Amino acid sequence: MDPHTPHGNFMSDRDLIQEMGGILNAGFGTVKTTISIILNLLAVHPNIQEDVYNEIQAILGNDPDKVPTYEQLQKLDLLNRVIKETMRLYPAVPIVARSSPEELHLCGYTIPAGVTIAVFIYGLHRHPQHWPNPEQFNPDRFLPSESSKRHPNAFMPFSLGARNCLGYKYAMLQMKVTVSTILRRYKVLVGDRCKTMEDIRFQFGLTLKTLPGNDIKLEPR
């Protein structure tokens, strides 16, 4: 990491440590939570899991030890939709805040300069105006024919604009590699404690986390 600031000054060791901690936390905790929930959802929806597995086999082949290429991962359309639908229902960052640099006039409201504006992503992702049957897990919402029917900003798991998540492409690759690797080797089954998604307990804050007790079972294929 370059210790210089944009103005040519040096960052202190403390500043560097805080930046590295933020990068590690943002890139690990949120992805870990999302992968965990993906596996829960696939366990609860075995038919969708089987379709994802068949897609993985068709594109990545039968050797689970062979590392997938970037090009192969981009062809996993159903897995991509499953990941997006998981992030719609359970965004790892359910609320994001920004500061207004100048006074804004929006929809009849005046927003003063310097005010913190919070976007409730969790609520947006479950708003029936944009998502019919919003509580239902349905990866086909992200088929091109369906995505074209709604506002492009109705889905923002990585925020939007110039200050969206810098690592969103890497996060998507992490999730595709991890989930495809698990499914090539194991069938994911519901656990003893979590038979439905309603059995999972969450901690809701600046990030969404699953609490201890969330379990699944893995059965070798």
Protein backbone atom coordinates (compact mmCIF):
# COMPACT_ATOMS: atom_id res chain seq x y z
CA MET A 1 0.00 0.00 0.00
CA ASP A 2 1.37 3.44 -0.95
CA PRO A 3 1.79 5.41 2.30
CA HIS A 4 1.46 8.75 0.48
CA THR A 5 -1.81 10.66 0.55
CA PRO A 6 -3.15 12.36 -2.62
CA HIS A 7 -1.55 15.56 -1.30
CA GLY A 8 1.91 14.01 -1.02
CA ASN A 9 1.89 13.55 2.76
CA PHE A 10 2.75 10.31 4.51
CA MET A 11 0.11 8.23 6.23
CA SER A 12 0.95 7.19 9.77
CA ASP A 13 1.36 3.54 10.76
CA ARG A 14 -1.96 3.82 12.57
CA ASP A 15 -3.66 5.10 9.42
CA LEU A 16 -2.21 2.21 7.41
CA ILE A 17 -3.32 -0.35 10.00
CA GLN A 18 -6.85 1.06 10.01
CA GLU A 19 -7.01 1.00 6.21
CA MET A 20 -5.75 -2.60 6.02
CA GLY A 21 -8.19 -3.64 8.74
CA GLY A 22 -11.05 -2.08 6.83
CA ILE A 23 -10.05 -3.83 3.61
CA LEU A 24 -9.74 -7.22 5.31
CA ASN A 25 -13.03 -6.86 7.17
CA ALA A 26 -14.93 -5.63 4.12
CA GLY A 27 -13.51 -8.33 1.89
CA PHE A 28 -13.83 -11.26 4.28
CA GLY A 29 -16.75 -10.89 6.66
CA THR A 30 -19.34 -9.83 4.10
CA VAL A 31 -18.38 -12.50 1.56
CA LYS A 32 -18.28 -15.17 4.27
CA THR A 33 -21.79 -14.27 5.39
CA THR A 34 -23.17 -14.29 1.86
CA ILE A 35 -21.62 -17.67 1.04
CA SER A 36 -23.09 -19.10 4.24
CA ILE A 37 -26.57 -17.87 3.30
CA ILE A 38 -26.22 -19.15 -0.28
CA LEU A 39 -25.59 -22.64 1.08
CA ASN A 40 -28.58 -22.35 3.41
CA LEU A 41 -30.84 -21.31 0.54
CA LEU A 42 -29.61 -24.12 -1.71
CA ALA A 43 -30.20 -26.63 1.09
CA VAL A 44 -33.76 -25.36 1.51
CA HIS A 45 -34.31 -25.40 -2.28
CA PRO A 46 -32.82 -28.74 -3.42
CA ASN A 47 -34.27 -28.51 -6.94
CA ILE A 48 -32.46 -25.24 -7.57
CA GLN A 49 -29.31 -26.72 -6.02
CA GLU A 50 -29.47 -29.65 -8.45
CA ASP A 51 -29.86 -27.29 -11.40
CA VAL A 52 -26.83 -25.29 -10.24
CA TYR A 53 -24.83 -28.50 -9.83
CA ASN A 54 -25.74 -29.65 -13.34
CA GLU A 55 -24.66 -26.29 -14.75
CA ILE A 56 -21.35 -26.52 -12.89
CA GLN A 57 -20.73 -30.03 -14.19
CA ALA A 58 -21.54 -29.03 -17.75
CA ILE A 59 -19.20 -26.02 -17.72
CA LEU A 60 -16.43 -26.92 -15.28
CA GLY A 61 -16.29 -30.66 -15.95
CA ASN A 62 -16.24 -33.72 -13.71
CA ASP A 63 -12.85 -33.19 -12.04
CA PRO A 64 -13.48 -31.31 -8.77
CA ASP A 65 -9.74 -30.74 -8.31
CA LYS A 66 -9.42 -28.75 -11.53
CA VAL A 67 -9.40 -25.02 -10.81
CA PRO A 68 -12.00 -23.16 -12.90
CA THR A 69 -10.84 -20.43 -15.25
CA TYR A 70 -12.15 -16.88 -15.22
CA GLU A 71 -13.89 -17.53 -18.54
CA GLN A 72 -15.65 -20.62 -17.17
CA LEU A 73 -16.87 -18.76 -14.10
CA GLN A 74 -18.46 -16.09 -16.31
CA LYS A 75 -20.55 -18.79 -18.00
CA LEU A 76 -22.19 -19.95 -14.76
CA ASP A 77 -25.39 -18.01 -15.40
CA LEU A 78 -27.64 -19.79 -12.91
CA LEU A 79 -25.06 -19.64 -10.12
CA ASN A 80 -24.67 -15.93 -10.86
CA ARG A 81 -28.43 -15.45 -10.51
CA VAL A 82 -28.49 -17.46 -7.28
CA ILE A 83 -25.78 -15.22 -5.82
CA LYS A 84 -27.63 -12.07 -6.87
CA GLU A 85 -30.95 -13.30 -5.47
CA THR A 86 -29.20 -14.15 -2.19
CA MET A 87 -27.76 -10.64 -2.02
CA ARG A 88 -31.19 -9.21 -2.78
CA LEU A 89 -32.82 -11.00 0.14
CA TYR A 90 -29.86 -10.79 2.51
CA PRO A 91 -27.56 -7.89 1.54
CA ALA A 92 -24.34 -8.14 3.53
CA VAL A 93 -24.39 -4.36 3.90
CA PRO A 94 -28.10 -3.62 4.54
CA ILE A 95 -27.66 0.13 4.93
CA VAL A 96 -25.23 2.59 3.36
CA ALA A 97 -24.70 6.25 4.25
CA ARG A 98 -23.44 9.18 2.22
CA SER A 99 -22.93 12.87 2.98
CA SER A 100 -24.61 15.56 0.91
CA PRO A 101 -21.87 17.95 -0.35
CA GLU A 102 -24.36 20.69 -1.19
CA GLU A 103 -28.02 21.50 -0.75
CA LEU A 104 -30.30 19.23 -2.78
CA HIS A 105 -33.93 19.54 -3.82
CA LEU A 106 -35.40 16.09 -4.37
CA CYS A 107 -39.04 15.02 -4.76
CA GLY A 108 -40.31 18.12 -3.00
CA TYR A 109 -37.83 17.85 -0.13
CA THR A 110 -34.85 20.05 0.67
CA ILE A 111 -31.75 18.23 1.89
CA PRO A 112 -29.26 20.63 3.52
CA ALA A 113 -25.56 20.49 2.74
CA GLY A 114 -23.52 18.23 5.01
CA VAL A 115 -26.46 16.01 5.97
CA THR A 116 -25.90 12.26 6.21
CA ILE A 117 -28.25 10.36 3.90
CA ALA A 118 -28.84 6.66 4.60
CA VAL A 119 -30.16 4.24 1.98
CA PHE A 120 -31.95 1.23 3.46
CA ILE A 121 -30.81 -1.39 0.95
CA TYR A 122 -32.54 -4.25 2.79
CA GLY A 123 -35.91 -2.50 2.48
CA LEU A 124 -35.31 -1.49 -1.13
CA HIS A 125 -34.51 -5.08 -2.07
CA ARG A 126 -37.80 -6.29 -0.60
CA HIS A 127 -40.04 -3.48 -1.84
CA PRO A 128 -43.03 -4.96 -3.74
CA GLN A 129 -42.99 -2.03 -6.15
CA HIS A 130 -39.80 -3.46 -7.64
CA TRP A 131 -39.97 -7.11 -6.60
CA PRO A 132 -43.22 -9.13 -6.91
CA ASN A 133 -43.53 -11.65 -4.06
CA PRO A 134 -40.41 -10.10 -2.50
CA GLU A 135 -39.99 -12.71 0.26
CA GLN A 136 -39.74 -15.56 -2.26
CA PHE A 137 -36.34 -16.91 -3.32
CA ASN A 138 -36.46 -16.81 -7.11
CA PRO A 139 -33.16 -16.55 -9.04
CA ASP A 140 -35.07 -16.09 -12.30
CA ARG A 141 -35.72 -12.50 -11.23
CA PHE A 142 -32.29 -11.83 -12.69
CA LEU A 143 -32.94 -13.24 -16.13
CA PRO A 144 -32.38 -10.43 -18.67
CA SER A 145 -36.08 -10.46 -19.59
CA GLU A 146 -37.04 -9.86 -15.94
CA SER A 147 -34.27 -7.40 -15.07
CA SER A 148 -35.35 -5.12 -17.91
CA LYS A 149 -38.78 -4.68 -16.28
CA ARG A 150 -37.53 -2.85 -13.18
CA HIS A 151 -35.52 0.24 -12.37
CA PRO A 152 -31.78 -0.48 -12.74
CA ASN A 153 -31.10 1.00 -9.29
CA ALA A 154 -33.58 -1.27 -7.50
CA PHE A 155 -30.69 -3.69 -6.89
CA MET A 156 -27.61 -2.27 -5.20
CA PRO A 157 -25.88 -4.83 -2.93
CA PHE A 158 -22.53 -3.11 -3.55
CA SER A 159 -23.97 0.41 -3.43
CA LEU A 160 -23.93 2.58 -6.57
CA GLY A 161 -22.06 5.43 -8.15
CA ALA A 162 -18.45 6.55 -8.00
CA ARG A 163 -18.08 5.32 -4.40
CA ASN A 164 -19.57 1.88 -4.73
CA CYS A 165 -17.72 -1.19 -3.44
CA LEU A 166 -14.26 -1.29 -5.05
CA GLY A 167 -14.01 -5.04 -4.60
CA TYR A 168 -17.38 -6.12 -5.99
CA LYS A 169 -15.92 -8.01 -8.98
CA TYR A 170 -13.46 -9.83 -6.73
CA ALA A 171 -16.26 -10.63 -4.27
CA MET A 172 -18.37 -12.15 -7.04
CA LEU A 173 -15.44 -14.31 -8.14
CA GLN A 174 -14.81 -15.43 -4.56
CA MET A 175 -18.40 -16.53 -4.17
CA LYS A 176 -18.53 -18.32 -7.53
CA VAL A 177 -15.29 -20.21 -6.87
CA THR A 178 -16.20 -21.18 -3.30
CA VAL A 179 -19.79 -22.26 -3.96
CA SER A 180 -18.93 -24.16 -7.15
CA THR A 181 -16.05 -25.93 -5.39
CA ILE A 182 -18.33 -27.05 -2.55
CA LEU A 183 -21.14 -28.20 -4.84
CA ARG A 184 -18.77 -30.22 -7.05
CA ARG A 185 -17.86 -32.31 -4.01
CA TYR A 186 -20.91 -32.23 -1.76
CA LYS A 187 -24.67 -32.12 -1.74
CA VAL A 188 -25.83 -29.45 0.71
CA LEU A 189 -28.59 -30.53 3.11
CA VAL A 190 -30.50 -28.69 5.81
CA GLY A 191 -29.00 -29.00 9.28
CA ASP A 192 -30.46 -30.25 12.53
CA ARG A 193 -31.29 -26.77 13.83
CA CYS A 194 -32.01 -24.82 10.65
CA LYS A 195 -34.71 -26.54 8.60
CA THR A 196 -35.97 -23.30 7.06
CA MET A 197 -34.59 -19.81 6.53
CA GLU A 198 -36.82 -18.62 9.38
CA ASP A 199 -34.74 -20.77 11.76
CA ILE A 200 -31.61 -18.71 11.07
CA ARG A 201 -30.91 -15.86 13.48
CA PHE A 202 -29.33 -12.68 12.15
CA GLN A 203 -27.53 -9.74 13.69
CA PHE A 204 -28.61 -6.59 11.90
CA GLY A 205 -26.29 -3.58 11.87
CA LEU A 206 -23.98 -1.86 9.42
CA THR A 207 -23.39 -5.39 8.18
CA LEU A 208 -25.67 -8.42 8.24
CA LYS A 209 -24.32 -11.43 10.13
CA THR A 210 -25.61 -14.88 10.97
CA LEU A 211 -25.50 -15.74 14.67
CA PRO A 212 -24.12 -19.01 16.09
CA GLY A 213 -26.43 -21.96 15.55
CA ASN A 214 -26.73 -21.70 11.78
CA ASP A 215 -25.98 -25.19 10.45
CA ILE A 216 -26.06 -27.30 7.28
CA LYS A 217 -24.99 -30.84 6.42
CA LEU A 218 -22.64 -31.86 3.61
CA GLU A 219 -23.08 -35.22 1.90
CA PRO A 220 -20.25 -36.41 -0.38
CA ARG A 221 -21.38 -36.86 -3.98
